[in-house]
Protein backbone atom coordinates (compact mmCIF):
# COMPACT_ATOMS: atom_id res chain seq x y z
CA MET A 1 59.58 95.60 81.66
CA SER A 2 58.03 98.67 82.77
CA ARG A 3 55.93 100.76 80.19
CA THR A 4 58.70 103.38 80.42
CA SER A 5 61.61 101.06 79.34
CA THR A 6 63.41 100.97 76.18
CA PHE A 7 65.03 97.81 76.15
CA THR A 8 66.41 95.35 78.82
CA ARG A 9 69.76 95.75 80.07
CA PRO A 10 71.80 92.44 80.05
CA PRO A 11 73.62 91.46 83.18
CA ALA A 12 77.20 91.75 83.73
CA LEU A 13 79.22 90.07 81.47
CA ARG A 14 82.59 88.69 82.22
CA ASN A 15 84.17 88.10 78.86
CA ALA A 16 82.86 87.07 75.23
CA LYS A 17 82.11 83.61 76.07
CA ASP A 18 80.03 84.32 79.20
CA ALA A 19 78.17 87.08 77.05
CA LEU A 20 77.63 84.31 74.17
CA GLU A 21 76.04 81.91 77.16
CA GLN A 22 73.83 84.85 78.46
CA LEU A 23 72.56 86.46 74.82
CA SER A 24 71.78 82.93 73.40
CA ARG A 25 69.09 82.49 75.94
CA PRO A 26 65.88 84.21 75.84
CA GLY A 27 65.78 87.66 77.70
CA PRO A 28 63.44 87.97 80.57
CA ASN A 29 60.44 89.72 78.65
CA GLU A 30 57.34 88.02 77.99
CA VAL A 31 56.77 87.98 74.29
CA LEU A 32 53.65 88.80 72.23
CA ARG A 33 53.14 87.54 68.75
CA GLY A 34 51.01 89.31 66.14
CA ASP A 35 49.93 89.39 62.47
CA LEU A 36 51.29 92.12 60.08
CA GLY A 37 48.17 91.20 57.83
CA LEU A 38 45.91 93.20 60.26
CA VAL A 39 47.55 96.34 59.04
CA GLY A 40 47.56 95.16 55.31
CA THR A 41 51.08 93.45 55.12
CA PRO A 42 51.40 89.80 55.38
CA GLY A 43 53.93 88.68 57.92
CA VAL A 44 54.64 88.31 61.73
CA VAL A 45 55.45 90.56 64.46
CA PHE A 46 57.02 89.58 67.78
CA ALA A 47 57.26 92.44 70.65
CA PRO A 48 57.71 92.69 74.39
CA ALA A 49 54.44 92.36 76.30
CA GLU A 50 55.02 96.49 76.89
CA GLY A 51 57.38 99.08 76.74
CA LEU A 52 57.53 102.47 75.09
CA GLY A 53 60.23 103.97 73.12
CA LEU A 54 61.45 100.53 71.94
CA PRO A 55 64.06 99.65 69.41
CA ALA A 56 62.84 97.87 66.04
CA VAL A 57 63.97 95.57 63.47
CA ALA A 58 62.42 94.43 60.00
CA PHE A 59 63.63 91.21 59.04
CA GLY A 60 63.60 89.72 55.09
CA HIS A 61 63.44 86.11 54.53
CA ASP A 62 65.71 84.09 52.15
CA TRP A 63 64.35 82.81 48.82
CA MET A 64 61.38 80.72 49.11
CA GLN A 65 61.40 80.34 53.08
CA PRO A 66 58.54 81.07 55.13
CA VAL A 67 58.68 83.62 57.93
CA SER A 68 58.08 80.80 60.17
CA ARG A 69 61.66 79.60 59.91
CA TYR A 70 63.03 82.65 61.42
CA ALA A 71 60.40 83.07 64.58
CA GLU A 72 62.85 81.59 66.86
CA LEU A 73 65.26 84.44 66.05
CA LEU A 74 62.34 87.01 66.10
CA ARG A 75 60.97 85.87 69.23
CA HIS A 76 64.42 85.87 70.94
CA LEU A 77 65.06 89.44 69.91
CA ALA A 78 61.65 90.20 71.52
CA SER A 79 62.51 88.73 74.63
CA TRP A 80 65.36 91.14 74.97
CA GLY A 81 63.13 94.11 74.29
CA ILE A 82 63.18 94.71 70.47
CA VAL A 83 60.49 94.64 68.31
CA ALA A 84 61.00 92.32 65.45
CA ALA A 85 58.87 92.10 62.39
CA ALA A 86 58.99 89.92 59.17
CA PRO A 87 56.91 90.51 55.97
CA GLY A 88 56.03 87.40 54.30
CA SER A 89 55.74 88.89 50.92
CA GLN A 90 57.76 88.02 47.85
CA GLY A 91 57.91 84.43 48.42
CA SER A 92 57.43 83.13 45.08
CA PRO A 93 60.31 81.52 42.76
CA LEU A 94 60.96 84.66 41.02
CA PRO A 95 60.74 87.44 43.90
CA SER A 96 60.97 91.22 43.09
CA VAL A 97 63.89 92.05 45.74
CA ALA A 98 63.11 95.89 44.88
CA ARG A 99 59.64 95.28 45.98
CA PHE A 100 60.85 93.41 48.91
CA SER A 101 63.22 96.09 49.96
CA ALA A 102 59.87 98.42 49.92
CA ASP A 103 58.04 96.01 51.97
CA LEU A 104 60.59 95.95 54.59
CA ARG A 105 60.56 99.82 54.89
CA THR A 106 56.70 99.65 55.20
CA THR A 107 57.12 96.89 58.09
CA LEU A 108 59.43 99.50 59.75
CA ASP A 109 56.91 102.23 59.22
CA VAL A 110 54.04 100.00 60.69
CA CYS A 111 56.31 99.39 63.75
CA VAL A 112 57.15 102.82 64.18
CA GLY A 113 53.51 104.30 63.52
CA VAL A 114 51.03 101.65 64.91
CA ARG A 115 50.71 101.29 68.71
CA LEU A 116 51.03 97.49 69.61
CA GLY A 117 49.65 95.18 72.05
CA GLU A 118 46.68 97.30 72.97
CA GLY A 119 48.77 100.57 72.66
CA ARG A 120 50.97 99.41 75.44
CA ILE A 121 53.96 98.96 72.82
CA SER A 122 55.59 101.82 70.78
CA VAL A 123 59.00 102.19 68.73
CA ASP A 124 61.29 104.93 68.75
CA ALA A 125 61.95 105.76 64.97
CA ARG A 126 65.47 106.74 66.09
CA ARG A 127 66.25 103.13 67.22
CA THR A 128 65.22 101.16 64.00
CA ALA A 129 67.36 98.52 62.07
CA LEU A 130 66.92 96.31 58.76
CA ALA A 131 67.98 92.66 58.53
CA GLY A 132 67.77 89.76 56.61
CA HIS A 133 69.05 86.37 55.51
CA GLY A 134 70.14 85.50 52.03
CA ILE A 135 68.09 87.78 49.33
CA GLY A 136 66.37 89.14 52.30
CA ALA A 137 69.78 90.65 53.51
CA GLY A 138 70.13 92.12 49.91
CA ALA A 139 66.51 93.49 50.31
CA ALA A 140 67.72 94.89 53.76
CA LEU A 141 70.69 96.71 52.35
CA LEU A 142 68.74 98.08 49.32
CA ALA A 143 66.00 99.29 51.91
CA ALA A 144 68.87 100.98 54.18
CA ALA A 145 70.52 102.74 51.44
CA GLY A 146 69.91 106.35 52.20
CA HIS A 147 67.24 105.69 54.57
CA PRO A 148 66.92 109.01 56.87
CA LYS A 149 66.33 106.89 60.29
CA VAL A 150 67.57 103.52 60.26
CA ALA A 151 70.58 103.02 62.67
CA ALA A 152 72.05 99.66 61.80
CA VAL A 153 72.06 96.83 59.39
CA VAL A 154 72.32 93.10 59.79
CA ALA A 155 73.04 90.74 57.04
CA ILE A 156 73.18 86.88 57.38
CA ALA A 157 74.56 84.93 54.60
CA ALA A 158 73.85 87.55 52.10
CA SER A 159 73.06 87.03 48.53
CA GLN A 160 73.61 88.89 45.34
CA THR A 161 70.57 90.12 44.05
CA ARG A 162 69.23 92.50 41.57
CA PRO A 163 69.16 95.45 42.17
CA SER A 164 72.79 94.90 43.29
CA PRO A 165 73.30 95.08 47.16
CA VAL A 166 76.99 95.92 46.51
CA GLU A 167 76.04 99.16 44.86
CA ALA A 168 73.36 100.00 47.68
CA ALA A 169 76.05 99.18 50.27
CA LYS A 170 77.76 102.03 49.27
CA ALA A 171 74.98 104.23 50.34
CA VAL A 172 74.83 102.53 53.87
CA SER A 173 76.77 104.59 56.09
CA VAL A 174 75.30 103.24 59.56
CA PRO A 175 76.86 100.50 61.28
CA SER A 176 76.64 97.20 59.54
CA LEU A 177 77.19 93.33 61.01
CA HIS A 178 77.60 90.51 58.34
CA VAL A 179 77.25 87.02 59.55
CA VAL A 180 78.80 84.61 57.15
CA ALA A 181 78.91 80.85 56.53
CA GLY A 182 82.14 79.43 55.84
CA ARG A 183 80.78 76.46 54.12
CA ASP A 184 78.07 78.51 52.16
CA THR A 185 77.41 76.76 48.72
CA VAL A 186 74.45 78.62 47.94
CA ALA A 187 76.24 82.34 48.16
CA PRO A 188 79.74 81.37 48.26
CA VAL A 189 81.32 84.04 50.74
CA ALA A 190 83.98 85.35 48.49
CA GLY A 191 81.41 86.27 45.76
CA HIS A 192 78.55 87.16 47.71
CA ALA A 193 79.02 88.35 51.61
CA GLU A 194 82.43 89.34 51.09
CA GLN A 195 81.88 91.87 48.32
CA ILE A 196 78.72 93.37 49.92
CA ALA A 197 80.39 93.90 53.49
CA ALA A 198 83.57 95.61 51.79
CA ALA A 199 81.19 98.01 50.13
CA CYS A 200 79.41 99.14 53.05
CA ALA A 201 80.26 102.74 53.78
CA GLY A 202 79.82 102.62 57.31
CA PRO A 203 81.63 100.92 60.18
CA THR A 204 81.26 97.21 59.37
CA TRP A 205 81.77 93.90 61.46
CA VAL A 206 82.02 90.60 59.58
CA ARG A 207 81.71 87.31 61.80
CA ARG A 208 82.61 84.12 59.76
CA LEU A 209 81.25 80.88 61.05
CA PRO A 210 83.46 78.53 59.47
CA LYS A 211 81.62 75.40 59.82
CA ALA A 212 78.06 76.61 59.06
CA GLY A 213 76.35 76.57 55.72
CA HIS A 214 73.62 78.78 54.14
CA THR A 215 70.77 77.11 55.55
CA ASP A 216 72.00 76.62 58.91
CA PHE A 217 70.41 79.60 60.12
CA LEU A 218 66.81 78.34 59.43
CA GLU A 219 64.82 76.40 61.84
CA GLY A 220 62.27 73.40 60.99
CA LEU A 221 61.80 71.60 57.92
CA HIS A 222 60.90 72.88 54.34
CA TRP A 223 60.99 71.17 50.99
CA SER A 224 63.48 73.71 49.94
CA ASP A 225 66.10 72.19 51.95
CA LEU A 226 66.37 69.70 49.17
CA VAL A 227 66.99 72.28 46.49
CA LEU A 228 69.62 74.32 48.84
CA SER A 229 71.40 71.00 49.85
CA GLY A 230 71.46 71.90 53.47
CA GLY A 231 69.09 72.25 56.66
CA PRO A 232 68.98 73.89 60.14
CA ASP A 233 71.78 73.78 62.69
CA ALA A 234 70.93 74.55 66.30
CA LYS A 235 74.36 75.59 67.20
CA THR A 236 74.77 77.95 64.26
CA ARG A 237 71.24 79.66 65.41
CA ARG A 238 72.45 79.79 68.98
CA ILE A 239 75.61 81.59 67.92
CA THR A 240 73.63 84.01 65.64
CA ARG A 241 70.83 84.69 68.13
CA ALA A 242 73.66 86.00 70.55
CA LEU A 243 75.65 88.09 67.81
CA VAL A 244 72.50 89.67 66.27
CA THR A 245 71.01 90.39 69.77
CA ALA A 246 74.35 92.03 71.13
CA PHE A 247 74.93 93.89 67.79
CA LEU A 248 71.35 95.52 67.78
CA LEU A 249 71.46 96.33 71.77
CA LYS A 250 74.69 98.09 71.08
CA GLU A 251 73.74 100.04 68.23
CA LEU A 252 70.35 101.03 68.70
CA CYS A 253 70.36 101.25 72.56
CA GLY A 254 74.05 102.12 73.10
CA GLU A 255 74.48 99.01 75.53
CA ASP A 256 78.38 98.87 76.05
CA ARG A 257 78.15 95.72 78.35
CA VAL A 258 78.08 93.58 74.91
CA ASP A 259 81.21 94.90 73.45
CA ASP A 260 83.07 91.77 73.87
CA LEU A 261 80.27 89.97 71.87
CA VAL A 262 80.62 92.71 69.14
CA ASP A 263 84.19 93.03 69.00
CA GLY A 264 85.81 90.37 71.06
CA LYS A 265 86.81 86.73 70.37
CA VAL A 266 83.65 84.82 70.10
CA PRO A 267 84.05 80.93 70.45
CA GLY A 268 82.80 79.45 67.04
CA THR A 269 83.50 82.65 64.94
CA VAL A 270 86.31 84.43 63.34
CA LEU A 271 85.95 88.26 63.49
CA GLU A 272 87.45 89.51 59.93
CA THR A 273 88.10 92.77 58.46
CA PRO A 274 86.48 93.36 54.89
CA ASP A 275 88.65 93.93 52.24
CA ALA A 276 88.43 97.64 50.90
């Protein structure tokens, strides 16, 4: 990527199946990993080796999950030209979701306001998004509610939290993607993700992965897998990588080559319309 690039355009994509195959693989960019602790916020950031005016996303982890379990997704986004950062705060058994949402906003501010990679990487404040998994998805919606510059939101297996993400979603007028797990026993879809998606004020996409569970989106092993009755699944992560990458390239960069992956029939998923 040259220093004046804003993102990496995907190759010509024939259909949704081809788009899934292409965007589930790493992009062409060399990826750098950094520590948000250097600027006072615990967590990690992944970025292309260089590029100015890049898009960025701040990602919120689920209950008790270390950010290392999302490194694969964050690194993948960076390989496609998107700066991806995840605060590691609020990892206790009783997290404050309100504070977590503030940490996500702070993380975006850091990405926008601090030159990364020895000054070779910068972020365009107009091309930023918030995302998360489980309670991190709820925190992302809280952070996005009324945010003046955030352009998109991604919620993966979103959980109900306090404050309520359903109420927050009513103030989220930007496009949102909701990736939901059909076999989610931690945050059952009908009582969590579906209500949250239906409350969103902006354009909304709901992608159901019928065979996925709540923890399938994670990588590696962790003691919480015993509590949450599940574990990582490579196929689920592969599909999710492609869906999230396509959505962010479309909404943050205006990339229309990925439309089939955003709006089309994607193998292993069902595109649903949220109930109003």
